[in-house]
Amino acid sequence: NLPENVDIENSVITTTLTEGAIGYAKLDTRKGYQIMGVIRLADGSHPPLGISVKDKTSHKELGLVADGGFVYLNGIQDDSKLTLRWGD
């Protein structure tokens, strides 16, 4: 069981076990808040669909922009600053 504010970064594991074997895997986790919201740009429009939302300091991806600017972000810290980048 994981604490409420811990999320697994990549929950897909590919491995091959033989009959009767017990497998263990190390999983990378991310600690922080989970936030759902809508992102609007200064002109009131939404960022393009599929744009990555990253932490400005660690450069880790925290989520993706969905239709209408909707986002689900995880791993948000109290002092997190977020960046979105598209185009050149």
PDB file of N, CA and C in Angstrom:
ATOM      1  N   ASN A   1       0.832  -1.191   0.000  1.00  0.00           N
ATOM      2  CA  ASN A   1       0.000   0.000   0.000  1.00  0.00           C
ATOM      3  C   ASN A   1       0.870   1.245   0.000  1.00  0.00           C
ATOM      4  N   LEU A   2       0.511   2.177  -0.849  1.00  0.00           N
ATOM      5  CA  LEU A   2       1.234   3.441  -0.925  1.00  0.00           C
ATOM      6  C   LEU A   2       0.485   4.513  -0.157  1.00  0.00           C
ATOM      7  N   PRO A   3       1.216   5.467   0.431  1.00  0.00           N
ATOM      8  CA  PRO A   3       0.544   6.607   1.056  1.00  0.00           C
ATOM      9  C   PRO A   3      -0.274   7.375   0.019  1.00  0.00           C
ATOM     10  N   GLU A   4      -1.229   8.164   0.488  1.00  0.00           N
ATOM     11  CA  GLU A   4      -2.146   8.868  -0.401  1.00  0.00           C
ATOM     12  C   GLU A   4      -1.445   9.832  -1.359  1.00  0.00           C
ATOM     13  N   ASN A   5      -0.326  10.425  -0.958  1.00  0.00           N
ATOM     14  CA  ASN A   5       0.341  11.421  -1.795  1.00  0.00           C
ATOM     15  C   ASN A   5       1.530  10.852  -2.581  1.00  0.00           C
ATOM     16  N   VAL A   6       1.564   9.532  -2.787  1.00  0.00           N
ATOM     17  CA  VAL A   6       2.641   8.900  -3.553  1.00  0.00           C
ATOM     18  C   VAL A   6       2.033   8.213  -4.771  1.00  0.00           C
ATOM     19  N   ASP A   7       2.665   8.425  -5.926  1.00  0.00           N
ATOM     20  CA  ASP A   7       2.182   7.857  -7.183  1.00  0.00           C
ATOM     21  C   ASP A   7       3.326   7.108  -7.858  1.00  0.00           C
ATOM     22  N   ILE A   8       3.028   6.045  -8.576  1.00  0.00           N
ATOM     23  CA  ILE A   8       4.037   5.292  -9.316  1.00  0.00           C
ATOM     24  C   ILE A   8       4.249   5.975 -10.660  1.00  0.00           C
ATOM     25  N   GLU A   9       5.513   6.254 -11.005  1.00  0.00           N
ATOM     26  CA  GLU A   9       5.810   6.970 -12.245  1.00  0.00           C
ATOM     27  C   GLU A   9       5.525   6.134 -13.482  1.00  0.00           C
ATOM     28  N   ASN A  10       5.929   4.884 -13.492  1.00  0.00           N
ATOM     29  CA  ASN A  10       5.683   4.014 -14.641  1.00  0.00           C
ATOM     30  C   ASN A  10       5.159   2.690 -14.109  1.00  0.00           C
ATOM     31  N   SER A  11       3.865   2.472 -14.235  1.00  0.00           N
ATOM     32  CA  SER A  11       3.255   1.288 -13.629  1.00  0.00           C
ATOM     33  C   SER A  11       3.226   0.077 -14.560  1.00  0.00           C
ATOM     34  N   VAL A  12       3.862   0.167 -15.718  1.00  0.00           N
ATOM     35  CA  VAL A  12       3.909  -0.961 -16.649  1.00  0.00           C
ATOM     36  C   VAL A  12       5.280  -1.624 -16.535  1.00  0.00           C
ATOM     37  N   ILE A  13       5.274  -2.905 -16.185  1.00  0.00           N
ATOM     38  CA  ILE A  13       6.517  -3.656 -16.028  1.00  0.00           C
ATOM     39  C   ILE A  13       6.455  -4.866 -16.952  1.00  0.00           C
ATOM     40  N   THR A  14       7.513  -5.078 -17.717  1.00  0.00           N
ATOM     41  CA  THR A  14       7.585  -6.233 -18.601  1.00  0.00           C
ATOM     42  C   THR A  14       8.692  -7.146 -18.095  1.00  0.00           C
ATOM     43  N   THR A  15       8.325  -8.381 -17.773  1.00  0.00           N
ATOM     44  CA  THR A  15       9.304  -9.348 -17.303  1.00  0.00           C
ATOM     45  C   THR A  15       8.807 -10.750 -17.642  1.00  0.00           C
ATOM     46  N   THR A  16       9.708 -11.684 -17.698  1.00  0.00           N
ATOM     47  CA  THR A  16       9.347 -13.074 -17.974  1.00  0.00           C
ATOM     48  C   THR A  16       9.793 -13.925 -16.793  1.00  0.00           C
ATOM     49  N   LEU A  17       8.838 -14.613 -16.184  1.00  0.00           N
ATOM     50  CA  LEU A  17       9.150 -15.475 -15.044  1.00  0.00           C
ATOM     51  C   LEU A  17       8.944 -16.933 -15.448  1.00  0.00           C
ATOM     52  N   THR A  18       9.717 -17.807 -14.851  1.00  0.00           N
ATOM     53  CA  THR A  18       9.533 -19.235 -15.101  1.00  0.00           C
ATOM     54  C   THR A  18       8.469 -19.776 -14.151  1.00  0.00           C
ATOM     55  N   GLU A  19       7.986 -20.959 -14.420  1.00  0.00           N
ATOM     56  CA  GLU A  19       6.919 -21.551 -13.612  1.00  0.00           C
ATOM     57  C   GLU A  19       7.325 -21.644 -12.144  1.00  0.00           C
ATOM     58  N   GLY A  20       6.469 -21.153 -11.264  1.00  0.00           N
ATOM     59  CA  GLY A  20       6.713 -21.211  -9.824  1.00  0.00           C
ATOM     60  C   GLY A  20       7.580 -20.083  -9.285  1.00  0.00           C
ATOM     61  N   ALA A  21       8.082 -19.231 -10.154  1.00  0.00           N
ATOM     62  CA  ALA A  21       8.957 -18.139  -9.715  1.00  0.00           C
ATOM     63  C   ALA A  21       8.142 -17.011  -9.085  1.00  0.00           C
ATOM     64  N   ILE A  22       8.781 -16.282  -8.198  1.00  0.00           N
ATOM     65  CA  ILE A  22       8.194 -15.081  -7.604  1.00  0.00           C
ATOM     66  C   ILE A  22       9.035 -13.907  -8.078  1.00  0.00           C
ATOM     67  N   GLY A  23       8.386 -12.920  -8.636  1.00  0.00           N
ATOM     68  CA  GLY A  23       9.125 -11.783  -9.181  1.00  0.00           C
ATOM     69  C   GLY A  23       8.975 -10.533  -8.326  1.00  0.00           C
ATOM     70  N   TYR A  24      10.028  -9.758  -8.273  1.00  0.00           N
ATOM     71  CA  TYR A  24      10.029  -8.477  -7.580  1.00  0.00           C
ATOM     72  C   TYR A  24      10.521  -7.422  -8.558  1.00  0.00           C
ATOM     73  N   ALA A  25      10.021  -6.226  -8.412  1.00  0.00           N
ATOM     74  CA  ALA A  25      10.467  -5.140  -9.283  1.00  0.00           C
ATOM     75  C   ALA A  25      10.557  -3.855  -8.477  1.00  0.00           C
ATOM     76  N   LYS A  26      11.553  -3.050  -8.786  1.00  0.00           N
ATOM     77  CA  LYS A  26      11.696  -1.742  -8.157  1.00  0.00           C
ATOM     78  C   LYS A  26      10.898  -0.744  -8.990  1.00  0.00           C
ATOM     79  N   LEU A  27      10.048   0.028  -8.339  1.00  0.00           N
ATOM     80  CA  LEU A  27       9.225   1.015  -9.029  1.00  0.00           C
ATOM     81  C   LEU A  27       9.637   2.420  -8.603  1.00  0.00           C
ATOM     82  N   ASP A  28       9.778   3.304  -9.581  1.00  0.00           N
ATOM     83  CA  ASP A  28      10.062   4.701  -9.277  1.00  0.00           C
ATOM     84  C   ASP A  28       8.761   5.374  -8.864  1.00  0.00           C
ATOM     85  N   THR A  29       8.820   6.142  -7.789  1.00  0.00           N
ATOM     86  CA  THR A  29       7.626   6.816  -7.291  1.00  0.00           C
ATOM     87  C   THR A  29       7.827   8.324  -7.289  1.00  0.00           C
ATOM     88  N   ARG A  30       6.723   9.012  -7.210  1.00  0.00           N
ATOM     89  CA  ARG A  30       6.735  10.474  -7.160  1.00  0.00           C
ATOM     90  C   ARG A  30       5.833  10.891  -6.005  1.00  0.00           C
ATOM     91  N   LYS A  31       6.366  11.733  -5.111  1.00  0.00           N
ATOM     92  CA  LYS A  31       5.597  12.186  -3.959  1.00  0.00           C
ATOM     93  C   LYS A  31       5.132  13.615  -4.190  1.00  0.00           C
ATOM     94  N   GLY A  32       3.891  13.885  -3.890  1.00  0.00           N
ATOM     95  CA  GLY A  32       3.356  15.235  -4.021  1.00  0.00           C
ATOM     96  C   GLY A  32       1.848  15.209  -4.178  1.00  0.00           C
ATOM     97  N   TYR A  33       1.301  16.385  -4.348  1.00  0.00           N
ATOM     98  CA  TYR A  33      -0.146  16.527  -4.492  1.00  0.00           C
ATOM     99  C   TYR A  33      -0.606  16.110  -5.885  1.00  0.00           C
ATOM    100  N   GLN A  34      -1.865  15.691  -5.967  1.00  0.00           N
ATOM    101  CA  GLN A  34      -2.514  15.450  -7.254  1.00  0.00           C
ATOM    102  C   GLN A  34      -3.529  16.569  -7.453  1.00  0.00           C
ATOM    103  N   ILE A  35      -3.522  17.159  -8.636  1.00  0.00           N
ATOM    104  CA  ILE A  35      -4.384  18.309  -8.921  1.00  0.00           C
ATOM    105  C   ILE A  35      -5.105  18.087 -10.241  1.00  0.00           C
ATOM    106  N   MET A  36      -6.396  18.398 -10.254  1.00  0.00           N
ATOM    107  CA  MET A  36      -7.174  18.424 -11.495  1.00  0.00           C
ATOM    108  C   MET A  36      -7.582  19.872 -11.722  1.00  0.00           C
ATOM    109  N   GLY A  37      -7.479  20.324 -12.957  1.00  0.00           N
ATOM    110  CA  GLY A  37      -7.853  21.703 -13.236  1.00  0.00           C
ATOM    111  C   GLY A  37      -7.904  21.984 -14.720  1.00  0.00           C
ATOM    112  N   VAL A  38      -8.055  23.253 -15.035  1.00  0.00           N
ATOM    113  CA  VAL A  38      -8.090  23.723 -16.417  1.00  0.00           C
ATOM    114  C   VAL A  38      -7.040  24.813 -16.558  1.00  0.00           C
ATOM    115  N   ILE A  39      -6.222  24.717 -17.601  1.00  0.00           N
ATOM    116  CA  ILE A  39      -5.199  25.729 -17.872  1.00  0.00           C
ATOM    117  C   ILE A  39      -5.704  26.659 -18.959  1.00  0.00           C
ATOM    118  N   ARG A  40      -5.620  27.950 -18.672  1.00  0.00           N
ATOM    119  CA  ARG A  40      -5.968  28.980 -19.655  1.00  0.00           C
ATOM    120  C   ARG A  40      -4.745  29.868 -19.867  1.00  0.00           C
ATOM    121  N   LEU A  41      -4.548  30.261 -21.105  1.00  0.00           N
ATOM    122  CA  LEU A  41      -3.459  31.175 -21.438  1.00  0.00           C
ATOM    123  C   LEU A  41      -3.907  32.608 -21.171  1.00  0.00           C
ATOM    124  N   ALA A  42      -2.983  33.555 -21.259  1.00  0.00           N
ATOM    125  CA  ALA A  42      -3.275  34.963 -20.971  1.00  0.00           C
ATOM    126  C   ALA A  42      -4.407  35.507 -21.840  1.00  0.00           C
ATOM    127  N   ASP A  43      -4.538  35.005 -23.069  1.00  0.00           N
ATOM    128  CA  ASP A  43      -5.594  35.491 -23.968  1.00  0.00           C
ATOM    129  C   ASP A  43      -6.923  34.748 -23.783  1.00  0.00           C
ATOM    130  N   GLY A  44      -6.999  33.860 -22.786  1.00  0.00           N
ATOM    131  CA  GLY A  44      -8.231  33.128 -22.506  1.00  0.00           C
ATOM    132  C   GLY A  44      -8.362  31.805 -23.235  1.00  0.00           C
ATOM    133  N   SER A  45      -7.470  31.530 -24.181  1.00  0.00           N
ATOM    134  CA  SER A  45      -7.516  30.261 -24.916  1.00  0.00           C
ATOM    135  C   SER A  45      -6.844  29.159 -24.097  1.00  0.00           C
ATOM    136  N   HIS A  46      -6.953  27.937 -24.579  1.00  0.00           N
ATOM    137  CA  HIS A  46      -6.332  26.795 -23.912  1.00  0.00           C
ATOM    138  C   HIS A  46      -5.092  26.367 -24.691  1.00  0.00           C
ATOM    139  N   PRO A  47      -4.108  25.782 -24.010  1.00  0.00           N
ATOM    140  CA  PRO A  47      -2.945  25.246 -24.727  1.00  0.00           C
ATOM    141  C   PRO A  47      -3.377  24.095 -25.636  1.00  0.00           C
ATOM    142  N   PRO A  48      -2.565  23.770 -26.638  1.00  0.00           N
ATOM    143  CA  PRO A  48      -2.903  22.670 -27.548  1.00  0.00           C
ATOM    144  C   PRO A  48      -3.007  21.318 -26.827  1.00  0.00           C
ATOM    145  N   LEU A  49      -3.847  20.472 -27.345  1.00  0.00           N
ATOM    146  CA  LEU A  49      -4.048  19.122 -26.830  1.00  0.00           C
ATOM    147  C   LEU A  49      -2.730  18.345 -26.846  1.00  0.00           C
ATOM    148  N   GLY A  50      -2.421  17.660 -25.754  1.00  0.00           N
ATOM    149  CA  GLY A  50      -1.248  16.793 -25.698  1.00  0.00           C
ATOM    150  C   GLY A  50       0.035  17.459 -25.245  1.00  0.00           C
ATOM    151  N   ILE A  51      -0.010  18.758 -24.956  1.00  0.00           N
ATOM    152  CA  ILE A  51       1.194  19.457 -24.500  1.00  0.00           C
ATOM    153  C   ILE A  51       1.587  18.939 -23.117  1.00  0.00           C
ATOM    154  N   SER A  52       2.869  18.738 -22.918  1.00  0.00           N
ATOM    155  CA  SER A  52       3.393  18.244 -21.654  1.00  0.00           C
ATOM    156  C   SER A  52       3.478  19.376 -20.631  1.00  0.00           C
ATOM    157  N   VAL A  53       3.063  19.080 -19.398  1.00  0.00           N
ATOM    158  CA  VAL A  53       3.212  20.025 -18.288  1.00  0.00           C
ATOM    159  C   VAL A  53       4.367  19.507 -17.445  1.00  0.00           C
ATOM    160  N   LYS A  54       5.415  20.329 -17.306  1.00  0.00           N
ATOM    161  CA  LYS A  54       6.620  19.891 -16.602  1.00  0.00           C
ATOM    162  C   LYS A  54       6.921  20.782 -15.409  1.00  0.00           C
ATOM    163  N   ASP A  55       7.622  20.196 -14.443  1.00  0.00           N
ATOM    164  CA  ASP A  55       8.134  20.956 -13.315  1.00  0.00           C
ATOM    165  C   ASP A  55       9.326  21.763 -13.814  1.00  0.00           C
ATOM    166  N   LYS A  56       9.338  23.055 -13.533  1.00  0.00           N
ATOM    167  CA  LYS A  56      10.384  23.939 -14.061  1.00  0.00           C
ATOM    168  C   LYS A  56      11.771  23.583 -13.521  1.00  0.00           C
ATOM    169  N   THR A  57      11.847  23.096 -12.288  1.00  0.00           N
ATOM    170  CA  THR A  57      13.141  22.784 -11.680  1.00  0.00           C
ATOM    171  C   THR A  57      13.656  21.404 -12.077  1.00  0.00           C
ATOM    172  N   SER A  58      12.828  20.373 -11.900  1.00  0.00           N
ATOM    173  CA  SER A  58      13.282  18.998 -12.155  1.00  0.00           C
ATOM    174  C   SER A  58      13.113  18.572 -13.609  1.00  0.00           C
ATOM    175  N   HIS A  59      12.316  19.310 -14.381  1.00  0.00           N
ATOM    176  CA  HIS A  59      12.003  18.999 -15.783  1.00  0.00           C
ATOM    177  C   HIS A  59      11.242  17.678 -15.937  1.00  0.00           C
ATOM    178  N   LYS A  60      10.685  17.150 -14.845  1.00  0.00           N
ATOM    179  CA  LYS A  60       9.885  15.921 -14.919  1.00  0.00           C
ATOM    180  C   LYS A  60       8.486  16.253 -15.407  1.00  0.00           C
ATOM    181  N   GLU A  61       7.958  15.368 -16.240  1.00  0.00           N
ATOM    182  CA  GLU A  61       6.595  15.546 -16.732  1.00  0.00           C
ATOM    183  C   GLU A  61       5.607  15.211 -15.614  1.00  0.00           C
ATOM    184  N   LEU A  62       4.698  16.138 -15.348  1.00  0.00           N
ATOM    185  CA  LEU A  62       3.706  15.963 -14.294  1.00  0.00           C
ATOM    186  C   LEU A  62       2.328  15.642 -14.844  1.00  0.00           C
ATOM    187  N   GLY A  63       2.142  15.829 -16.156  1.00  0.00           N
ATOM    188  CA  GLY A  63       0.858  15.544 -16.772  1.00  0.00           C
ATOM    189  C   GLY A  63       0.809  16.058 -18.195  1.00  0.00           C
ATOM    190  N   LEU A  64      -0.338  15.846 -18.852  1.00  0.00           N
ATOM    191  CA  LEU A  64      -0.557  16.287 -20.229  1.00  0.00           C
ATOM    192  C   LEU A  64      -1.840  17.098 -20.298  1.00  0.00           C
ATOM    193  N   VAL A  65      -1.884  18.044 -21.224  1.00  0.00           N
ATOM    194  CA  VAL A  65      -3.084  18.851 -21.430  1.00  0.00           C
ATOM    195  C   VAL A  65      -4.067  18.055 -22.281  1.00  0.00           C
ATOM    196  N   ALA A  66      -5.301  17.960 -21.799  1.00  0.00           N
ATOM    197  CA  ALA A  66      -6.371  17.284 -22.534  1.00  0.00           C
ATOM    198  C   ALA A  66      -7.230  18.337 -23.236  1.00  0.00           C
ATOM    199  N   ASP A  67      -8.292  17.887 -23.869  1.00  0.00           N
ATOM    200  CA  ASP A  67      -9.203  18.772 -24.586  1.00  0.00           C
ATOM    201  C   ASP A  67      -9.742  19.857 -23.654  1.00  0.00           C
ATOM    202  N   GLY A  68      -9.795  21.080 -24.136  1.00  0.00           N
ATOM    203  CA  GLY A  68     -10.322  22.191 -23.348  1.00  0.00           C
ATOM    204  C   GLY A  68      -9.401  22.650 -22.239  1.00  0.00           C
ATOM    205  N   GLY A  69      -8.116  22.275 -22.289  1.00  0.00           N
ATOM    206  CA  GLY A  69      -7.153  22.699 -21.282  1.00  0.00           C
ATOM    207  C   GLY A  69      -7.194  21.903 -19.992  1.00  0.00           C
ATOM    208  N   PHE A  70      -8.017  20.841 -19.949  1.00  0.00           N
ATOM    209  CA  PHE A  70      -8.131  20.026 -18.742  1.00  0.00           C
ATOM    210  C   PHE A  70      -6.815  19.317 -18.459  1.00  0.00           C
ATOM    211  N   VAL A  71      -6.397  19.284 -17.177  1.00  0.00           N
ATOM    212  CA  VAL A  71      -5.170  18.589 -16.780  1.00  0.00           C
ATOM    213  C   VAL A  71      -5.390  17.808 -15.490  1.00  0.00           C
ATOM    214  N   TYR A  72      -4.710  16.687 -15.384  1.00  0.00           N
ATOM    215  CA  TYR A  72      -4.555  15.967 -14.124  1.00  0.00           C
ATOM    216  C   TYR A  72      -3.056  15.914 -13.905  1.00  0.00           C
ATOM    217  N   LEU A  73      -2.594  16.530 -12.836  1.00  0.00           N
ATOM    218  CA  LEU A  73      -1.166  16.603 -12.543  1.00  0.00           C
ATOM    219  C   LEU A  73      -0.884  15.859 -11.247  1.00  0.00           C
ATOM    220  N   ASN A  74       0.252  15.168 -11.181  1.00  0.00           N
ATOM    221  CA  ASN A  74       0.645  14.537  -9.923  1.00  0.00           C
ATOM    222  C   ASN A  74       2.103  14.831  -9.634  1.00  0.00           C
ATOM    223  N   GLY A  75       2.454  14.782  -8.362  1.00  0.00           N
ATOM    224  CA  GLY A  75       3.816  15.098  -7.946  1.00  0.00           C
ATOM    225  C   GLY A  75       4.029  16.581  -7.711  1.00  0.00           C
ATOM    226  N   ILE A  76       2.953  17.328  -7.495  1.00  0.00           N
ATOM    227  CA  ILE A  76       3.055  18.773  -7.286  1.00  0.00           C
ATOM    228  C   ILE A  76       3.523  19.053  -5.859  1.00  0.00           C
ATOM    229  N   GLN A  77       4.551  19.876  -5.732  1.00  0.00           N
ATOM    230  CA  GLN A  77       5.061  20.296  -4.428  1.00  0.00           C
ATOM    231  C   GLN A  77       4.515  21.687  -4.091  1.00  0.00           C
ATOM    232  N   ASP A  78       4.633  22.090  -2.823  1.00  0.00           N
ATOM    233  CA  ASP A  78       4.152  23.415  -2.408  1.00  0.00           C
ATOM    234  C   ASP A  78       4.793  24.540  -3.212  1.00  0.00           C
ATOM    235  N   ASP A  79       6.057  24.371  -3.595  1.00  0.00           N
ATOM    236  CA  ASP A  79       6.784  25.432  -4.304  1.00  0.00           C
ATOM    237  C   ASP A  79       6.962  25.141  -5.798  1.00  0.00           C
ATOM    238  N   SER A  80       6.180  24.222  -6.347  1.00  0.00           N
ATOM    239  CA  SER A  80       6.319  23.856  -7.765  1.00  0.00           C
ATOM    240  C   SER A  80       5.998  25.028  -8.687  1.00  0.00           C
ATOM    241  N   LYS A  81       6.797  25.164  -9.727  1.00  0.00           N
ATOM    242  CA  LYS A  81       6.527  26.094 -10.822  1.00  0.00           C
ATOM    243  C   LYS A  81       6.427  25.231 -12.076  1.00  0.00           C
ATOM    244  N   LEU A  82       5.377  25.440 -12.852  1.00  0.00           N
ATOM    245  CA  LEU A  82       5.101  24.582 -13.998  1.00  0.00           C
ATOM    246  C   LEU A  82       5.409  25.290 -15.303  1.00  0.00           C
ATOM    247  N   THR A  83       5.801  24.518 -16.312  1.00  0.00           N
ATOM    248  CA  THR A  83       6.047  25.070 -17.641  1.00  0.00           C
ATOM    249  C   THR A  83       5.309  24.246 -18.685  1.00  0.00           C
ATOM    250  N   LEU A  84       4.893  24.934 -19.743  1.00  0.00           N
ATOM    251  CA  LEU A  84       4.308  24.310 -20.925  1.00  0.00           C
ATOM    252  C   LEU A  84       5.078  24.869 -22.107  1.00  0.00           C
ATOM    253  N   ARG A  85       5.450  24.021 -23.035  1.00  0.00           N
ATOM    254  CA  ARG A  85       6.203  24.499 -24.198  1.00  0.00           C
ATOM    255  C   ARG A  85       5.725  23.772 -25.440  1.00  0.00           C
ATOM    256  N   TRP A  86       5.504  24.534 -26.509  1.00  0.00           N
ATOM    257  CA  TRP A  86       5.145  23.949 -27.798  1.00  0.00           C
ATOM    258  C   TRP A  86       5.652  24.860 -28.894  1.00  0.00           C
ATOM    259  N   GLY A  87       5.673  24.358 -30.089  1.00  0.00           N
ATOM    260  CA  GLY A  87       6.221  25.131 -31.208  1.00  0.00           C
ATOM    261  C   GLY A  87       7.738  25.118 -31.158  1.00  0.00           C
ATOM    262  N   ASP A  88       8.352  26.187 -31.673  1.00  0.00           N
ATOM    263  CA  ASP A  88       9.826  26.258 -31.706  1.00  0.00           C
ATOM    264  C   ASP A  88      10.411  26.637 -30.416  1.00  0.00           C
TER     265      ASP A  88
END
